[in-house]
Each structure stands twice: as C-alpha cells, then as structure tokens.
Amino acid sequence: MQYKIEDSFDVSAERYWSAFFSDEYRLALWPALDIDCKVLRLERKGEGENLTITREQHLTPRREVPAIIAKLVKGAISYTELNEFTAKTNSMRTTTTPSFLGDKIRSVGTYRLEVLGPEKVNRVWDAELSCSIPLVGGKIEKILVEEVRESYRRATEFTRRWHREHP
C-alpha cells in the first residue's frame, strides 16, 4: 500500500531539520506521542549542504495494540526506525522494522521538505507499507497506515507548537 502525508510549517528548512535532530525536540516529541524512544545510533558527517545524518532508534508505542495484530503478537509491540538524512536533497530515507512479523511487514519511505519560501516548507512523507500475511495482510496494512497517519497528525500539531514556542 502506497500513501502520502503532507503538512506545511512556517519555518525555514534549516530550522526545521535543526530542531528535528535536536535532543531537546526529540525528548519532548516522543512523550507527547505516547511513544518511548531509545536512540541506538546517531552519526553526523560533513556540514552544510554536505551534511548527512544516520540515526537508528527503537520506538515502543504506549497504547493498545490493534485487535487484529494482538491476535498475531504476544505482548507489546515496538519497532526500529533507521533514518538516513541528506541535507543536499532536504530528504531522509526511512526504513521501519517492527519487532513483530518483521519478515512479513515492510515499511519504507522518504521524508522530504519542499521549500516554499524563506520561512515556509511543505513536509512530504511518501511511503510504502506491505504485509505479506495471507487473508489478513491488506487489513493489517490499512490499520498500520492509519496508525502512521494519526501519529503524523499528532506530530504535526506538536511540531507547529514547538516552533512557535522555540523561535
């Protein structure tokens, strides 16, 4: 299942990414989304247009597991997210690997900013999520994409407020 999420922000691309990769923002974001986060790896190389950042983090949502998934998985769900950011393209490639059914669920996407003006960007998340479980794979895909959409909605509200409160 391919899907796209777009949201605009009244900040420059540089300010958006600076906040996005800051500890202060990250430590406030995840609790606001009811997700526990542990950074496993963070590597920065280069600077300016040549900056690349690789970040791997382990995320555990603190909410009820959707019923169809709870039938297939015992206990809490979590996932590992690998981000590969390239300043030159204002984009980040993301691969998400769930702790459950990792060989059956594939989630990849590109998170990019389109610069609309000196203090205006459009964030675009182009992604693909697939689940190769016979009979229920399509339903699991829909549920997980809706979970991602809701998480992005909450993250967008948080990020807009963050930028207003941290000029």
N, C-alpha and C. Protein backbone atom coordinates (compact mmCIF):
# COMPACT_ATOMS: atom_id res chain seq x y z
N MET A 1 0.84 -1.17 0.00
CA MET A 1 0.00 0.00 0.00
C MET A 1 0.89 1.24 0.00
N GLN A 2 0.73 2.07 -1.01
CA GLN A 2 1.47 3.33 -1.06
C GLN A 2 0.58 4.44 -0.52
N TYR A 3 1.20 5.38 0.19
CA TYR A 3 0.44 6.50 0.74
C TYR A 3 1.35 7.72 0.89
N LYS A 4 0.73 8.87 1.05
CA LYS A 4 1.45 10.14 1.17
C LYS A 4 0.79 10.98 2.25
N ILE A 5 1.62 11.69 3.02
CA ILE A 5 1.13 12.62 4.03
C ILE A 5 1.87 13.93 3.81
N GLU A 6 1.13 15.05 3.74
CA GLU A 6 1.75 16.36 3.54
C GLU A 6 1.27 17.34 4.60
N ASP A 7 2.19 18.14 5.09
CA ASP A 7 1.88 19.20 6.06
C ASP A 7 2.84 20.36 5.85
N SER A 8 2.37 21.58 6.08
CA SER A 8 3.24 22.75 5.92
C SER A 8 3.61 23.32 7.28
N PHE A 9 4.77 23.98 7.32
CA PHE A 9 5.29 24.58 8.54
C PHE A 9 5.86 25.95 8.21
N ASP A 10 5.70 26.88 9.13
CA ASP A 10 6.18 28.25 8.94
C ASP A 10 7.58 28.42 9.51
N VAL A 11 8.52 27.68 8.94
CA VAL A 11 9.93 27.75 9.34
C VAL A 11 10.79 27.49 8.10
N SER A 12 12.06 27.83 8.20
CA SER A 12 12.98 27.51 7.11
C SER A 12 13.32 26.02 7.19
N ALA A 13 13.82 25.48 6.09
CA ALA A 13 14.23 24.08 6.07
C ALA A 13 15.35 23.84 7.08
N GLU A 14 16.29 24.77 7.17
CA GLU A 14 17.41 24.63 8.09
C GLU A 14 16.92 24.55 9.54
N ARG A 15 15.98 25.43 9.89
CA ARG A 15 15.45 25.44 11.25
C ARG A 15 14.64 24.17 11.53
N TYR A 16 13.88 23.73 10.53
CA TYR A 16 13.08 22.51 10.69
C TYR A 16 14.00 21.32 11.02
N TRP A 17 15.03 21.10 10.19
CA TRP A 17 15.92 19.95 10.39
C TRP A 17 16.73 20.10 11.67
N SER A 18 17.16 21.32 11.99
CA SER A 18 17.92 21.54 13.21
C SER A 18 17.12 21.10 14.43
N ALA A 19 15.86 21.50 14.48
CA ALA A 19 15.00 21.08 15.60
C ALA A 19 14.76 19.57 15.55
N PHE A 20 14.46 19.06 14.36
CA PHE A 20 14.12 17.65 14.17
C PHE A 20 15.19 16.72 14.75
N PHE A 21 16.46 17.08 14.55
CA PHE A 21 17.54 16.22 15.02
C PHE A 21 18.10 16.64 16.39
N SER A 22 17.49 17.63 17.04
CA SER A 22 17.98 18.08 18.35
C SER A 22 17.45 17.16 19.45
N ASP A 23 18.26 17.01 20.50
CA ASP A 23 17.83 16.21 21.64
C ASP A 23 16.64 16.85 22.34
N GLU A 24 16.65 18.17 22.44
CA GLU A 24 15.56 18.88 23.14
C GLU A 24 14.21 18.58 22.48
N TYR A 25 14.15 18.68 21.17
CA TYR A 25 12.91 18.38 20.44
C TYR A 25 12.52 16.92 20.59
N ARG A 26 13.49 16.04 20.35
CA ARG A 26 13.22 14.59 20.43
C ARG A 26 12.72 14.17 21.80
N LEU A 27 13.34 14.71 22.87
CA LEU A 27 12.95 14.34 24.22
C LEU A 27 11.56 14.86 24.59
N ALA A 28 11.08 15.88 23.88
CA ALA A 28 9.72 16.39 24.11
C ALA A 28 8.71 15.73 23.18
N LEU A 29 9.12 15.41 21.95
CA LEU A 29 8.20 14.84 20.96
C LEU A 29 7.66 13.47 21.37
N TRP A 30 8.56 12.54 21.67
CA TRP A 30 8.11 11.16 21.87
C TRP A 30 7.13 11.01 23.03
N PRO A 31 7.35 11.64 24.18
CA PRO A 31 6.33 11.54 25.23
C PRO A 31 4.99 12.15 24.79
N ALA A 32 5.03 13.22 23.99
CA ALA A 32 3.79 13.83 23.51
C ALA A 32 3.02 12.89 22.59
N LEU A 33 3.73 11.96 21.95
CA LEU A 33 3.10 10.98 21.06
C LEU A 33 2.81 9.65 21.78
N ASP A 34 3.08 9.59 23.07
CA ASP A 34 2.91 8.35 23.85
C ASP A 34 3.76 7.22 23.29
N ILE A 35 5.03 7.56 23.02
CA ILE A 35 5.97 6.58 22.48
C ILE A 35 7.28 6.69 23.27
N ASP A 36 7.80 5.55 23.70
CA ASP A 36 9.12 5.52 24.33
C ASP A 36 10.15 5.40 23.22
N CYS A 37 11.24 6.17 23.33
CA CYS A 37 12.27 6.18 22.28
C CYS A 37 13.64 6.02 22.90
N LYS A 38 14.43 5.15 22.29
CA LYS A 38 15.82 4.98 22.68
C LYS A 38 16.66 5.10 21.41
N VAL A 39 17.56 6.08 21.37
CA VAL A 39 18.46 6.25 20.23
C VAL A 39 19.53 5.17 20.32
N LEU A 40 19.65 4.38 19.27
CA LEU A 40 20.64 3.32 19.21
C LEU A 40 21.94 3.77 18.55
N ARG A 41 21.80 4.70 17.60
CA ARG A 41 22.97 5.18 16.85
C ARG A 41 22.65 6.54 16.26
N LEU A 42 23.61 7.45 16.29
CA LEU A 42 23.48 8.76 15.66
C LEU A 42 24.85 9.14 15.12
N GLU A 43 24.93 9.27 13.80
CA GLU A 43 26.20 9.61 13.15
C GLU A 43 25.99 10.81 12.24
N ARG A 44 26.81 11.84 12.43
CA ARG A 44 26.78 13.04 11.58
C ARG A 44 28.09 13.09 10.80
N LYS A 45 27.97 13.37 9.49
CA LYS A 45 29.16 13.50 8.65
C LYS A 45 28.99 14.74 7.79
N GLY A 46 30.06 15.49 7.63
CA GLY A 46 30.04 16.68 6.79
C GLY A 46 29.32 17.83 7.47
N GLU A 47 29.13 18.89 6.68
CA GLU A 47 28.40 20.06 7.20
C GLU A 47 27.77 20.80 6.04
N GLY A 48 26.87 21.72 6.37
CA GLY A 48 26.17 22.48 5.34
C GLY A 48 25.45 21.56 4.38
N GLU A 49 25.59 21.85 3.10
CA GLU A 49 24.92 21.07 2.06
C GLU A 49 25.41 19.61 2.02
N ASN A 50 26.62 19.37 2.54
CA ASN A 50 27.20 18.03 2.52
C ASN A 50 26.90 17.21 3.77
N LEU A 51 26.07 17.75 4.66
CA LEU A 51 25.73 17.04 5.89
C LEU A 51 24.88 15.80 5.61
N THR A 52 25.26 14.71 6.23
CA THR A 52 24.43 13.50 6.24
C THR A 52 24.31 13.06 7.70
N ILE A 53 23.14 12.56 8.05
CA ILE A 53 22.91 12.07 9.40
C ILE A 53 22.27 10.69 9.28
N THR A 54 22.83 9.74 10.01
CA THR A 54 22.23 8.42 10.10
C THR A 54 21.81 8.24 11.56
N ARG A 55 20.53 7.93 11.74
CA ARG A 55 20.02 7.74 13.10
C ARG A 55 19.19 6.46 13.13
N GLU A 56 19.45 5.67 14.14
CA GLU A 56 18.66 4.46 14.35
C GLU A 56 18.08 4.55 15.75
N GLN A 57 16.77 4.34 15.85
CA GLN A 57 16.14 4.43 17.15
C GLN A 57 15.11 3.32 17.33
N HIS A 58 14.95 2.92 18.59
CA HIS A 58 13.99 1.88 18.94
C HIS A 58 12.78 2.58 19.58
N LEU A 59 11.60 2.35 19.02
CA LEU A 59 10.39 3.03 19.45
C LEU A 59 9.36 2.02 19.95
N THR A 60 8.75 2.35 21.10
CA THR A 60 7.72 1.50 21.68
C THR A 60 6.49 2.34 21.98
N PRO A 61 5.44 2.20 21.18
CA PRO A 61 4.19 2.94 21.46
C PRO A 61 3.60 2.50 22.80
N ARG A 62 3.08 3.47 23.56
CA ARG A 62 2.42 3.18 24.83
C ARG A 62 0.91 3.27 24.66
N ARG A 63 0.38 2.44 23.77
CA ARG A 63 -1.06 2.43 23.56
C ARG A 63 -1.49 1.01 23.20
N GLU A 64 -2.77 0.81 23.20
CA GLU A 64 -3.31 -0.52 22.95
C GLU A 64 -2.99 -0.99 21.53
N VAL A 65 -2.62 -2.25 21.46
CA VAL A 65 -2.31 -2.87 20.17
C VAL A 65 -3.63 -3.14 19.44
N PRO A 66 -3.74 -2.77 18.16
CA PRO A 66 -4.96 -3.08 17.41
C PRO A 66 -5.29 -4.58 17.51
N ALA A 67 -6.58 -4.90 17.65
CA ALA A 67 -7.03 -6.27 17.92
C ALA A 67 -6.49 -7.30 16.93
N ILE A 68 -6.52 -6.99 15.64
CA ILE A 68 -6.07 -7.97 14.64
C ILE A 68 -4.59 -8.29 14.81
N ILE A 69 -3.81 -7.29 15.24
CA ILE A 69 -2.38 -7.52 15.45
C ILE A 69 -2.16 -8.25 16.77
N ALA A 70 -2.96 -7.90 17.80
CA ALA A 70 -2.83 -8.57 19.10
C ALA A 70 -3.05 -10.07 18.98
N LYS A 71 -3.88 -10.48 18.03
CA LYS A 71 -4.11 -11.92 17.82
C LYS A 71 -2.87 -12.62 17.28
N LEU A 72 -2.01 -11.88 16.60
CA LEU A 72 -0.82 -12.46 15.98
C LEU A 72 0.44 -12.28 16.81
N VAL A 73 0.40 -11.36 17.78
CA VAL A 73 1.60 -10.98 18.54
C VAL A 73 1.30 -11.04 20.02
N LYS A 74 2.24 -11.56 20.77
CA LYS A 74 2.09 -11.58 22.22
C LYS A 74 2.89 -10.42 22.81
N GLY A 75 2.28 -9.68 23.72
CA GLY A 75 2.98 -8.60 24.40
C GLY A 75 2.97 -7.29 23.62
N ALA A 76 3.81 -6.37 24.08
CA ALA A 76 3.88 -5.03 23.49
C ALA A 76 4.56 -5.09 22.13
N ILE A 77 4.22 -4.13 21.29
CA ILE A 77 4.88 -4.03 20.00
C ILE A 77 5.89 -2.89 20.05
N SER A 78 6.91 -3.02 19.25
CA SER A 78 7.90 -1.95 19.13
C SER A 78 8.46 -2.06 17.73
N TYR A 79 9.28 -1.08 17.38
CA TYR A 79 9.90 -1.11 16.07
C TYR A 79 11.19 -0.33 16.08
N THR A 80 12.04 -0.66 15.13
CA THR A 80 13.30 0.05 14.95
C THR A 80 13.17 0.90 13.69
N GLU A 81 13.56 2.15 13.81
CA GLU A 81 13.47 3.09 12.70
C GLU A 81 14.88 3.52 12.32
N LEU A 82 15.21 3.37 11.05
CA LEU A 82 16.50 3.81 10.52
C LEU A 82 16.25 5.01 9.63
N ASN A 83 16.87 6.16 9.97
CA ASN A 83 16.75 7.40 9.20
C ASN A 83 18.09 7.70 8.55
N GLU A 84 18.06 8.04 7.24
CA GLU A 84 19.26 8.43 6.52
C GLU A 84 18.99 9.77 5.85
N PHE A 85 19.46 10.84 6.50
CA PHE A 85 19.19 12.21 6.07
C PHE A 85 20.32 12.74 5.19
N THR A 86 19.94 13.48 4.13
CA THR A 86 20.89 14.13 3.23
C THR A 86 20.47 15.59 3.09
N ALA A 87 21.31 16.50 3.59
CA ALA A 87 20.98 17.93 3.55
C ALA A 87 20.82 18.44 2.12
N LYS A 88 21.66 17.96 1.22
CA LYS A 88 21.65 18.46 -0.16
C LYS A 88 20.27 18.29 -0.81
N THR A 89 19.56 17.22 -0.47
CA THR A 89 18.25 16.97 -1.07
C THR A 89 17.09 17.29 -0.14
N ASN A 90 17.40 17.79 1.09
CA ASN A 90 16.35 18.08 2.07
C ASN A 90 15.46 16.87 2.28
N SER A 91 16.08 15.69 2.33
CA SER A 91 15.27 14.49 2.45
C SER A 91 15.91 13.45 3.37
N MET A 92 15.07 12.53 3.82
CA MET A 92 15.50 11.48 4.72
C MET A 92 14.81 10.18 4.31
N ARG A 93 15.60 9.18 4.04
CA ARG A 93 15.07 7.85 3.72
C ARG A 93 14.86 7.13 5.05
N THR A 94 13.69 6.51 5.22
CA THR A 94 13.36 5.84 6.47
C THR A 94 12.93 4.41 6.21
N THR A 95 13.48 3.51 7.01
CA THR A 95 13.08 2.11 6.99
C THR A 95 12.63 1.76 8.40
N THR A 96 11.44 1.21 8.52
CA THR A 96 10.89 0.84 9.81
C THR A 96 10.72 -0.67 9.86
N THR A 97 11.31 -1.28 10.89
CA THR A 97 11.24 -2.72 11.05
C THR A 97 10.52 -3.04 12.36
N PRO A 98 9.34 -3.66 12.29
CA PRO A 98 8.62 -3.98 13.52
C PRO A 98 9.26 -5.14 14.27
N SER A 99 9.03 -5.17 15.59
CA SER A 99 9.54 -6.28 16.42
C SER A 99 8.69 -7.53 16.21
N PHE A 100 7.56 -7.37 15.57
CA PHE A 100 6.65 -8.48 15.32
C PHE A 100 6.52 -8.67 13.81
N LEU A 101 6.51 -9.87 13.36
CA LEU A 101 6.30 -10.19 11.95
C LEU A 101 7.23 -9.42 11.03
N GLY A 102 8.47 -9.20 11.49
CA GLY A 102 9.43 -8.41 10.73
C GLY A 102 9.72 -8.95 9.33
N ASP A 103 9.55 -10.25 9.17
CA ASP A 103 9.78 -10.84 7.85
C ASP A 103 8.54 -10.74 6.96
N LYS A 104 7.42 -10.29 7.52
CA LYS A 104 6.16 -10.20 6.77
C LYS A 104 5.71 -8.77 6.51
N ILE A 105 6.26 -7.81 7.28
CA ILE A 105 5.85 -6.41 7.15
C ILE A 105 7.04 -5.59 6.67
N ARG A 106 6.83 -4.82 5.63
CA ARG A 106 7.88 -3.95 5.07
C ARG A 106 7.34 -2.53 5.06
N SER A 107 8.13 -1.61 5.63
CA SER A 107 7.72 -0.21 5.68
C SER A 107 8.91 0.68 5.35
N VAL A 108 8.84 1.38 4.22
CA VAL A 108 9.91 2.28 3.78
C VAL A 108 9.28 3.57 3.27
N GLY A 109 10.04 4.64 3.35
CA GLY A 109 9.53 5.89 2.83
C GLY A 109 10.59 6.96 2.76
N THR A 110 10.22 8.06 2.14
CA THR A 110 11.09 9.23 2.04
C THR A 110 10.36 10.41 2.65
N TYR A 111 11.03 11.06 3.55
CA TYR A 111 10.54 12.20 4.30
C TYR A 111 11.32 13.39 3.72
N ARG A 112 10.65 14.31 3.04
CA ARG A 112 11.38 15.41 2.41
C ARG A 112 10.68 16.74 2.65
N LEU A 113 11.47 17.78 2.53
CA LEU A 113 10.92 19.14 2.64
C LEU A 113 10.97 19.81 1.28
N GLU A 114 9.87 20.43 0.92
CA GLU A 114 9.82 21.30 -0.25
C GLU A 114 9.85 22.72 0.27
N VAL A 115 10.83 23.49 -0.15
CA VAL A 115 10.96 24.88 0.31
C VAL A 115 9.99 25.73 -0.50
N LEU A 116 9.05 26.38 0.22
CA LEU A 116 8.04 27.22 -0.42
C LEU A 116 8.35 28.70 -0.29
N GLY A 117 9.29 29.03 0.58
CA GLY A 117 9.67 30.42 0.82
C GLY A 117 10.72 30.44 1.91
N PRO A 118 11.20 31.64 2.29
CA PRO A 118 12.27 31.72 3.29
C PRO A 118 11.86 31.13 4.65
N GLU A 119 10.59 31.22 4.99
CA GLU A 119 10.09 30.71 6.27
C GLU A 119 8.87 29.82 6.06
N LYS A 120 8.91 28.99 5.03
CA LYS A 120 7.76 28.12 4.74
C LYS A 120 8.25 26.86 4.04
N VAL A 121 7.89 25.70 4.61
CA VAL A 121 8.22 24.42 3.99
C VAL A 121 6.99 23.53 3.99
N ASN A 122 6.98 22.64 3.05
CA ASN A 122 5.97 21.59 2.98
C ASN A 122 6.69 20.27 3.24
N ARG A 123 6.25 19.56 4.29
CA ARG A 123 6.85 18.25 4.59
C ARG A 123 6.03 17.20 3.87
N VAL A 124 6.70 16.33 3.13
CA VAL A 124 6.03 15.28 2.38
C VAL A 124 6.60 13.93 2.83
N TRP A 125 5.71 13.04 3.21
CA TRP A 125 6.08 11.67 3.56
C TRP A 125 5.48 10.77 2.48
N ASP A 126 6.34 10.24 1.60
CA ASP A 126 5.94 9.28 0.57
C ASP A 126 6.38 7.92 1.06
N ALA A 127 5.43 6.99 1.21
CA ALA A 127 5.79 5.72 1.82
C ALA A 127 5.08 4.55 1.20
N GLU A 128 5.62 3.40 1.53
CA GLU A 128 5.01 2.13 1.12
C GLU A 128 5.04 1.20 2.31
N LEU A 129 3.91 0.58 2.59
CA LEU A 129 3.81 -0.39 3.66
C LEU A 129 3.16 -1.64 3.08
N SER A 130 3.79 -2.78 3.29
CA SER A 130 3.21 -4.02 2.78
C SER A 130 3.27 -5.09 3.85
N CYS A 131 2.25 -5.95 3.85
CA CYS A 131 2.17 -7.05 4.79
C CYS A 131 1.82 -8.31 3.99
N SER A 132 2.71 -9.29 4.04
CA SER A 132 2.53 -10.49 3.23
C SER A 132 1.96 -11.66 4.03
N ILE A 133 0.91 -11.41 4.79
CA ILE A 133 0.22 -12.48 5.52
C ILE A 133 -1.08 -12.78 4.76
N PRO A 134 -1.23 -14.01 4.29
CA PRO A 134 -2.44 -14.36 3.54
C PRO A 134 -3.72 -14.05 4.34
N LEU A 135 -4.71 -13.59 3.63
CA LEU A 135 -6.06 -13.29 4.13
C LEU A 135 -6.17 -12.01 4.95
N VAL A 136 -5.18 -11.69 5.79
CA VAL A 136 -5.31 -10.50 6.65
C VAL A 136 -4.29 -9.41 6.34
N GLY A 137 -3.37 -9.66 5.40
CA GLY A 137 -2.31 -8.69 5.10
C GLY A 137 -2.84 -7.32 4.73
N GLY A 138 -3.85 -7.27 3.85
CA GLY A 138 -4.41 -5.98 3.43
C GLY A 138 -5.04 -5.23 4.59
N LYS A 139 -5.71 -5.94 5.48
CA LYS A 139 -6.34 -5.30 6.64
C LYS A 139 -5.28 -4.75 7.60
N ILE A 140 -4.20 -5.51 7.80
CA ILE A 140 -3.11 -5.05 8.66
C ILE A 140 -2.46 -3.81 8.05
N GLU A 141 -2.26 -3.81 6.73
CA GLU A 141 -1.69 -2.63 6.06
C GLU A 141 -2.54 -1.40 6.35
N LYS A 142 -3.85 -1.51 6.17
CA LYS A 142 -4.74 -0.37 6.40
C LYS A 142 -4.67 0.12 7.84
N ILE A 143 -4.67 -0.80 8.79
CA ILE A 143 -4.61 -0.42 10.20
C ILE A 143 -3.29 0.29 10.51
N LEU A 144 -2.18 -0.26 10.03
CA LEU A 144 -0.88 0.35 10.31
C LEU A 144 -0.73 1.71 9.64
N VAL A 145 -1.23 1.86 8.41
CA VAL A 145 -1.16 3.16 7.74
C VAL A 145 -2.01 4.18 8.52
N GLU A 146 -3.16 3.78 9.01
CA GLU A 146 -3.98 4.70 9.82
C GLU A 146 -3.26 5.08 11.11
N GLU A 147 -2.54 4.12 11.71
CA GLU A 147 -1.74 4.43 12.90
C GLU A 147 -0.67 5.48 12.57
N VAL A 148 -0.01 5.31 11.42
CA VAL A 148 1.02 6.26 10.99
C VAL A 148 0.39 7.63 10.74
N ARG A 149 -0.75 7.66 10.06
CA ARG A 149 -1.42 8.94 9.78
C ARG A 149 -1.77 9.67 11.08
N GLU A 150 -2.28 8.94 12.07
CA GLU A 150 -2.63 9.55 13.34
C GLU A 150 -1.38 10.06 14.06
N SER A 151 -0.32 9.29 14.01
CA SER A 151 0.93 9.70 14.63
C SER A 151 1.46 10.97 13.97
N TYR A 152 1.40 11.03 12.63
CA TYR A 152 1.84 12.23 11.91
C TYR A 152 0.96 13.43 12.25
N ARG A 153 -0.35 13.22 12.39
CA ARG A 153 -1.25 14.32 12.76
C ARG A 153 -0.83 14.91 14.10
N ARG A 154 -0.59 14.04 15.07
CA ARG A 154 -0.18 14.49 16.39
C ARG A 154 1.21 15.13 16.36
N ALA A 155 2.12 14.55 15.59
CA ALA A 155 3.47 15.10 15.48
C ALA A 155 3.46 16.47 14.80
N THR A 156 2.57 16.65 13.82
CA THR A 156 2.45 17.94 13.13
C THR A 156 1.98 19.01 14.11
N GLU A 157 0.95 18.71 14.88
CA GLU A 157 0.47 19.67 15.89
C GLU A 157 1.59 20.01 16.86
N PHE A 158 2.28 18.99 17.35
CA PHE A 158 3.38 19.21 18.28
C PHE A 158 4.47 20.08 17.66
N THR A 159 4.87 19.77 16.43
CA THR A 159 5.97 20.47 15.76
C THR A 159 5.61 21.93 15.50
N ARG A 160 4.40 22.19 15.08
CA ARG A 160 3.98 23.59 14.88
C ARG A 160 4.04 24.35 16.19
N ARG A 161 3.54 23.75 17.26
CA ARG A 161 3.58 24.40 18.58
C ARG A 161 5.04 24.58 19.02
N TRP A 162 5.87 23.58 18.79
CA TRP A 162 7.28 23.65 19.18
C TRP A 162 7.95 24.86 18.52
N HIS A 163 7.74 25.03 17.23
CA HIS A 163 8.39 26.12 16.53
C HIS A 163 7.85 27.48 16.98
N ARG A 164 6.58 27.54 17.33
CA ARG A 164 6.03 28.82 17.85
C ARG A 164 6.66 29.14 19.22
N GLU A 165 6.84 28.12 20.04
CA GLU A 165 7.34 28.32 21.40
C GLU A 165 8.86 28.37 21.50
N HIS A 166 9.56 27.99 20.44
CA HIS A 166 11.03 27.98 20.40
C HIS A 166 11.52 28.73 19.17
N PRO A 167 11.28 30.05 19.15
CA PRO A 167 11.66 30.84 17.94
C PRO A 167 13.18 30.92 17.75
